[in-house]
Amino acid sequence: MASYTVNRKAVTRARKLIDAGQYRVRSRWADVQPRADEQNAFLDAHGWADYGSWHLGLTDGAPDESKARYAFVFGDFRRVHRMGLIACYYRAAEWEHTDVMLAAHKLLLYLDKTRRS
């Protein structure tokens, strides 16, 4: 089973987007999560560093400039999706990737606190 490190750049990006109000509270994650063609178009336009900053997990041992390196996408390349964070949390919890699970949980709490302020 793959192991993951928390992508601190992604955590920073998510917090900045939340602070700027760039999030969706309600969405159907299955409908809005980036598909392969959307990922490829984003990569072509923005490069690997920007692409990677939308993923909470870095796959240990995977090459830096590969899709295999990045896991646990939390947004649609424009906004954070609350349901994306929940999906990251549950998927990480299911496979016992505790650090990624906790990062997703903290971001979820931050989003919820921000929107209630």
C-alpha atoms as a PDB file:
ATOM      1  CA  MET A   1       0.000   0.000   0.000  1.00  0.00           C
ATOM      2  CA  ALA A   2       1.253   3.489  -0.815  1.00  0.00           C
ATOM      3  CA  SER A   3       2.249   5.843   1.954  1.00  0.00           C
ATOM      4  CA  TYR A   4       1.723   9.596   1.903  1.00  0.00           C
ATOM      5  CA  THR A   5       3.206  12.746   3.331  1.00  0.00           C
ATOM      6  CA  VAL A   6       1.026  15.800   3.926  1.00  0.00           C
ATOM      7  CA  ASN A   7       1.527  18.387   1.201  1.00  0.00           C
ATOM      8  CA  ARG A   8       2.060  21.581   3.217  1.00  0.00           C
ATOM      9  CA  LYS A   9       1.772  23.727   0.064  1.00  0.00           C
ATOM     10  CA  ALA A  10      -1.712  22.325  -0.487  1.00  0.00           C
ATOM     11  CA  VAL A  11      -2.709  23.039   3.114  1.00  0.00           C
ATOM     12  CA  THR A  12      -1.500  26.622   2.693  1.00  0.00           C
ATOM     13  CA  ARG A  13      -3.377  26.996  -0.597  1.00  0.00           C
ATOM     14  CA  ALA A  14      -6.601  25.630   0.897  1.00  0.00           C
ATOM     15  CA  ARG A  15      -6.402  28.020   3.865  1.00  0.00           C
ATOM     16  CA  LYS A  16      -5.782  31.015   1.573  1.00  0.00           C
ATOM     17  CA  LEU A  17      -8.734  30.049  -0.623  1.00  0.00           C
ATOM     18  CA  ILE A  18     -10.961  29.651   2.423  1.00  0.00           C
ATOM     19  CA  ASP A  19      -9.829  33.043   3.745  1.00  0.00           C
ATOM     20  CA  ALA A  20     -10.693  34.583   0.362  1.00  0.00           C
ATOM     21  CA  GLY A  21     -14.155  32.982   0.350  1.00  0.00           C
ATOM     22  CA  GLN A  22     -13.233  30.718  -2.558  1.00  0.00           C
ATOM     23  CA  TYR A  23     -15.105  27.627  -1.439  1.00  0.00           C
ATOM     24  CA  ARG A  24     -18.315  25.714  -1.981  1.00  0.00           C
ATOM     25  CA  VAL A  25     -20.157  24.465   1.066  1.00  0.00           C
ATOM     26  CA  ARG A  26     -22.600  22.244  -0.836  1.00  0.00           C
ATOM     27  CA  SER A  27     -21.682  20.295  -3.934  1.00  0.00           C
ATOM     28  CA  ARG A  28     -21.866  16.781  -5.269  1.00  0.00           C
ATOM     29  CA  TRP A  29     -18.190  15.854  -5.146  1.00  0.00           C
ATOM     30  CA  ALA A  30     -18.688  13.036  -7.641  1.00  0.00           C
ATOM     31  CA  ASP A  31     -19.891  15.648 -10.145  1.00  0.00           C
ATOM     32  CA  VAL A  32     -17.283  18.366  -9.555  1.00  0.00           C
ATOM     33  CA  GLN A  33     -14.030  16.599  -8.725  1.00  0.00           C
ATOM     34  CA  PRO A  34     -11.540  17.065 -11.573  1.00  0.00           C
ATOM     35  CA  ARG A  35     -11.613  14.366 -14.242  1.00  0.00           C
ATOM     36  CA  ALA A  36      -8.540  13.258 -16.196  1.00  0.00           C
ATOM     37  CA  ASP A  37      -9.173  15.662 -19.093  1.00  0.00           C
ATOM     38  CA  GLU A  38      -9.638  18.583 -16.676  1.00  0.00           C
ATOM     39  CA  GLN A  39      -6.468  17.602 -14.837  1.00  0.00           C
ATOM     40  CA  ASN A  40      -4.516  17.457 -18.092  1.00  0.00           C
ATOM     41  CA  ALA A  41      -5.812  20.853 -19.236  1.00  0.00           C
ATOM     42  CA  PHE A  42      -4.922  22.377 -15.871  1.00  0.00           C
ATOM     43  CA  LEU A  43      -1.446  20.837 -16.006  1.00  0.00           C
ATOM     44  CA  ASP A  44      -0.864  22.201 -19.510  1.00  0.00           C
ATOM     45  CA  ALA A  45      -1.933  25.693 -18.451  1.00  0.00           C
ATOM     46  CA  HIS A  46      -0.405  25.869 -14.954  1.00  0.00           C
ATOM     47  CA  GLY A  47       2.353  23.273 -14.510  1.00  0.00           C
ATOM     48  CA  TRP A  48       3.186  20.697 -11.884  1.00  0.00           C
ATOM     49  CA  ALA A  49       3.709  22.985  -8.882  1.00  0.00           C
ATOM     50  CA  ASP A  50       0.258  24.542  -9.198  1.00  0.00           C
ATOM     51  CA  TYR A  51      -1.347  21.166  -9.938  1.00  0.00           C
ATOM     52  CA  GLY A  52       0.299  19.621  -6.887  1.00  0.00           C
ATOM     53  CA  SER A  53      -0.936  22.364  -4.591  1.00  0.00           C
ATOM     54  CA  TRP A  54      -4.499  21.073  -5.029  1.00  0.00           C
ATOM     55  CA  HIS A  55      -3.641  17.694  -3.448  1.00  0.00           C
ATOM     56  CA  LEU A  56      -3.302  17.100   0.293  1.00  0.00           C
ATOM     57  CA  GLY A  57      -1.085  14.036  -0.105  1.00  0.00           C
ATOM     58  CA  LEU A  58       2.304  13.415  -1.679  1.00  0.00           C
ATOM     59  CA  THR A  59       2.894   9.776  -2.560  1.00  0.00           C
ATOM     60  CA  ASP A  60       6.166   8.675  -1.003  1.00  0.00           C
ATOM     61  CA  GLY A  61       8.632   7.454  -3.622  1.00  0.00           C
ATOM     62  CA  ALA A  62       6.661   8.639  -6.682  1.00  0.00           C
ATOM     63  CA  PRO A  63       8.457  10.900  -9.190  1.00  0.00           C
ATOM     64  CA  ASP A  64       7.834  14.621  -8.581  1.00  0.00           C
ATOM     65  CA  GLU A  65       6.388  15.481 -11.981  1.00  0.00           C
ATOM     66  CA  SER A  66       3.866  12.677 -12.270  1.00  0.00           C
ATOM     67  CA  LYS A  67       0.208  12.326 -11.397  1.00  0.00           C
ATOM     68  CA  ALA A  68       1.146   9.371  -9.207  1.00  0.00           C
ATOM     69  CA  ARG A  69       2.948  11.812  -6.892  1.00  0.00           C
ATOM     70  CA  TYR A  70      -0.248  13.680  -5.946  1.00  0.00           C
ATOM     71  CA  ALA A  71      -3.269  12.307  -4.080  1.00  0.00           C
ATOM     72  CA  PHE A  72      -6.324  13.531  -2.194  1.00  0.00           C
ATOM     73  CA  VAL A  73      -7.549  16.384  -4.381  1.00  0.00           C
ATOM     74  CA  PHE A  74      -9.758  18.814  -2.436  1.00  0.00           C
ATOM     75  CA  GLY A  75     -11.034  21.269  -5.025  1.00  0.00           C
ATOM     76  CA  ASP A  76     -11.996  21.869  -8.634  1.00  0.00           C
ATOM     77  CA  PHE A  77      -8.874  23.944  -9.502  1.00  0.00           C
ATOM     78  CA  ARG A  78     -10.816  27.123  -8.699  1.00  0.00           C
ATOM     79  CA  ARG A  79     -12.301  26.597  -5.238  1.00  0.00           C
ATOM     80  CA  VAL A  80     -12.120  24.388  -2.194  1.00  0.00           C
ATOM     81  CA  HIS A  81     -15.101  22.072  -1.925  1.00  0.00           C
ATOM     82  CA  ARG A  82     -16.242  21.104   1.546  1.00  0.00           C
ATOM     83  CA  MET A  83     -17.297  17.742   0.159  1.00  0.00           C
ATOM     84  CA  GLY A  84     -13.816  17.371  -1.356  1.00  0.00           C
ATOM     85  CA  LEU A  85     -12.289  17.798   2.090  1.00  0.00           C
ATOM     86  CA  ILE A  86     -14.763  15.283   3.503  1.00  0.00           C
ATOM     87  CA  ALA A  87     -13.856  12.830   0.724  1.00  0.00           C
ATOM     88  CA  CYS A  88     -10.148  13.293   1.525  1.00  0.00           C
ATOM     89  CA  TYR A  89     -10.849  12.733   5.210  1.00  0.00           C
ATOM     90  CA  TYR A  90     -12.838   9.536   4.722  1.00  0.00           C
ATOM     91  CA  ARG A  91     -10.536   8.056   2.096  1.00  0.00           C
ATOM     92  CA  ALA A  92      -7.463   8.752   4.229  1.00  0.00           C
ATOM     93  CA  ALA A  93      -9.195   7.356   7.321  1.00  0.00           C
ATOM     94  CA  GLU A  94     -10.302   4.244   5.473  1.00  0.00           C
ATOM     95  CA  TRP A  95      -6.717   3.410   4.459  1.00  0.00           C
ATOM     96  CA  GLU A  96      -5.177   4.624   7.745  1.00  0.00           C
ATOM     97  CA  HIS A  97      -3.254   7.568   6.299  1.00  0.00           C
ATOM     98  CA  THR A  98      -3.549   9.402   9.595  1.00  0.00           C
ATOM     99  CA  ASP A  99      -1.529  12.524   8.771  1.00  0.00           C
ATOM    100  CA  VAL A 100      -3.543  13.242   5.620  1.00  0.00           C
ATOM    101  CA  MET A 101      -6.772  12.489   7.467  1.00  0.00           C
ATOM    102  CA  LEU A 102      -5.870  14.976  10.203  1.00  0.00           C
ATOM    103  CA  ALA A 103      -4.873  17.645   7.666  1.00  0.00           C
ATOM    104  CA  ALA A 104      -8.242  17.264   5.913  1.00  0.00           C
ATOM    105  CA  HIS A 105     -10.047  17.353   9.266  1.00  0.00           C
ATOM    106  CA  LYS A 106      -8.277  20.545  10.357  1.00  0.00           C
ATOM    107  CA  LEU A 107      -9.096  22.226   7.040  1.00  0.00           C
ATOM    108  CA  LEU A 108     -12.726  21.166   7.358  1.00  0.00           C
ATOM    109  CA  LEU A 109     -12.920  22.672  10.839  1.00  0.00           C
ATOM    110  CA  TYR A 110     -11.185  25.836   9.592  1.00  0.00           C
ATOM    111  CA  LEU A 111     -13.662  26.186   6.723  1.00  0.00           C
ATOM    112  CA  ASP A 112     -16.644  25.649   9.014  1.00  0.00           C
ATOM    113  CA  LYS A 113     -15.323  28.137  11.591  1.00  0.00           C
ATOM    114  CA  THR A 114     -14.564  30.725   8.877  1.00  0.00           C
ATOM    115  CA  ARG A 115     -18.014  30.587   7.359  1.00  0.00           C
ATOM    116  CA  ARG A 116     -19.694  31.002  10.739  1.00  0.00           C
ATOM    117  CA  SER A 117     -17.590  34.033  11.725  1.00  0.00           C
END
